[in-house]
Amino acid sequence: QVQLVESGGGLVQPGGSLKLSCLGSSSDFNLNAMHWYRQAPGKQRELVAQINTYGRTWYADSVRGRFTGSRDPAKNTAYLEMNSLKPEDTAVYYCYQGGAWGQGTQVTVSS
């Protein structure tokens, strides 16, 4: 059973930056794509970024140019670097891989 542990959320002012991490326990972690979702209060969970096993990325229009996904195979860890954050980026962020979800980490963008 894959386990994913997230870290890195917090409170940041508009225009600020945060970097989320997702540590995977599975030996297959580096063989599967990693997905980042977010869920804002009262809204459905939405996909914001994907990183495949070759490092190729996809981003939702709402975050493209501001968010960057990456992964470090040696550390079994994926990252989501978030820059130029806006209040509408406020949400719980989740990593997802192979049917397993991380526990979620709160990102709040507010002055």
Protein backbone atom coordinates (compact mmCIF):
# COMPACT_ATOMS: atom_id res chain seq x y z
CA GLN A 1 0.00 0.00 0.00
CA VAL A 2 1.43 3.31 -1.09
CA GLN A 3 1.66 5.98 1.58
CA LEU A 4 2.16 9.63 0.78
CA VAL A 5 3.12 12.24 3.39
CA GLU A 6 2.86 15.91 2.57
CA SER A 7 4.50 18.93 4.12
CA GLY A 8 5.16 22.58 3.39
CA GLY A 9 1.80 24.34 3.59
CA GLY A 10 1.17 27.48 5.57
CA LEU A 11 0.05 31.09 5.58
CA VAL A 12 1.58 33.44 3.04
CA GLN A 13 0.84 36.93 1.79
CA PRO A 14 -0.35 37.54 -1.79
CA GLY A 15 2.62 37.43 -4.11
CA GLY A 16 4.52 35.10 -1.82
CA SER A 17 5.83 31.59 -2.35
CA LEU A 18 5.55 28.16 -0.81
CA LYS A 19 7.02 24.77 -1.69
CA LEU A 20 5.07 21.60 -0.97
CA SER A 21 6.69 18.19 -0.60
CA CYS A 22 5.21 14.72 -0.97
CA LEU A 23 7.25 11.79 0.36
CA GLY A 24 6.29 8.37 -0.97
CA SER A 25 6.82 5.05 0.80
CA SER A 26 6.44 2.73 -2.17
CA SER A 27 9.35 1.21 -4.05
CA ASP A 28 7.30 1.98 -7.18
CA PHE A 29 7.13 5.69 -6.37
CA ASN A 30 9.50 6.58 -9.20
CA LEU A 31 7.66 4.36 -11.71
CA ASN A 32 4.39 6.29 -11.60
CA ALA A 33 3.20 9.79 -12.36
CA MET A 34 2.57 12.18 -9.48
CA HIS A 35 -0.50 14.38 -9.34
CA TRP A 36 -1.24 17.48 -7.28
CA TYR A 37 -4.84 18.43 -6.48
CA ARG A 38 -6.40 21.15 -4.41
CA GLN A 39 -9.78 21.68 -2.80
CA ALA A 40 -11.05 25.08 -1.76
CA PRO A 41 -13.93 25.47 0.71
CA GLY A 42 -17.24 24.71 -0.97
CA LYS A 43 -15.59 23.62 -4.22
CA GLN A 44 -14.74 20.33 -5.87
CA ARG A 45 -11.25 18.93 -5.75
CA GLU A 46 -9.36 19.97 -8.88
CA LEU A 47 -6.19 18.77 -10.57
CA VAL A 48 -3.56 21.49 -10.72
CA ALA A 49 -0.35 19.72 -11.79
CA GLN A 50 1.05 16.42 -13.03
CA ILE A 51 4.64 15.21 -13.25
CA ASN A 52 5.30 12.01 -15.17
CA THR A 53 8.19 9.63 -14.65
CA TYR A 54 10.31 11.51 -17.19
CA GLY A 55 9.76 14.83 -15.47
CA ARG A 56 7.29 16.06 -18.08
CA THR A 57 4.72 18.36 -16.53
CA TRP A 58 1.16 19.56 -17.09
CA TYR A 59 -0.54 22.44 -15.33
CA ALA A 60 -4.04 23.80 -15.02
CA ASP A 61 -4.54 27.15 -16.72
CA SER A 62 -5.12 28.81 -13.35
CA VAL A 63 -1.59 28.00 -12.12
CA ARG A 64 0.49 27.70 -15.30
CA GLY A 65 3.49 29.99 -15.17
CA ARG A 66 3.32 30.28 -11.37
CA PHE A 67 3.53 26.68 -10.15
CA THR A 68 6.34 24.23 -10.91
CA GLY A 69 6.22 20.51 -10.27
CA SER A 70 9.32 18.38 -9.89
CA ARG A 71 10.51 15.12 -8.34
CA ASP A 72 13.69 13.79 -6.78
CA PRO A 73 13.92 10.04 -7.41
CA ALA A 74 16.75 9.62 -4.93
CA LYS A 75 14.53 10.95 -2.14
CA ASN A 76 11.23 9.37 -3.28
CA THR A 77 9.84 12.89 -3.11
CA ALA A 78 7.78 15.11 -5.37
CA TYR A 79 7.55 18.88 -5.04
CA LEU A 80 5.16 21.64 -5.99
CA GLU A 81 6.77 25.08 -5.94
CA MET A 82 4.16 27.82 -5.87
CA ASN A 83 5.07 31.42 -6.69
CA SER A 84 3.10 34.64 -7.10
CA LEU A 85 0.41 33.18 -4.89
CA LYS A 86 -3.07 34.68 -4.99
CA PRO A 87 -5.93 34.55 -2.47
CA GLU A 88 -7.79 32.24 -4.86
CA ASP A 89 -4.99 29.68 -4.44
CA THR A 90 -6.18 29.15 -0.86
CA ALA A 91 -7.08 25.46 -0.53
CA VAL A 92 -6.06 22.15 0.92
CA TYR A 93 -3.46 20.65 -1.40
CA TYR A 94 -3.14 16.90 -1.93
CA CYS A 95 -0.65 14.71 -3.71
CA TYR A 96 -1.98 11.59 -5.38
CA GLN A 97 -0.37 8.51 -6.89
CA GLY A 98 -1.63 5.05 -7.79
CA GLY A 99 -4.87 5.28 -5.84
CA ALA A 100 -3.29 6.77 -2.73
CA TRP A 101 -3.80 10.28 -1.39
CA GLY A 102 -1.59 12.33 0.85
CA GLN A 103 -3.15 13.67 4.03
CA GLY A 104 -3.46 17.17 2.60
CA THR A 105 -1.75 20.40 3.60
CA GLN A 106 -3.46 23.76 4.06
CA VAL A 107 -2.28 26.70 1.96
CA THR A 108 -3.74 30.07 2.92
CA VAL A 109 -2.96 33.20 0.92
CA SER A 110 -4.05 36.29 2.78
CA SER A 111 -2.80 39.69 3.84
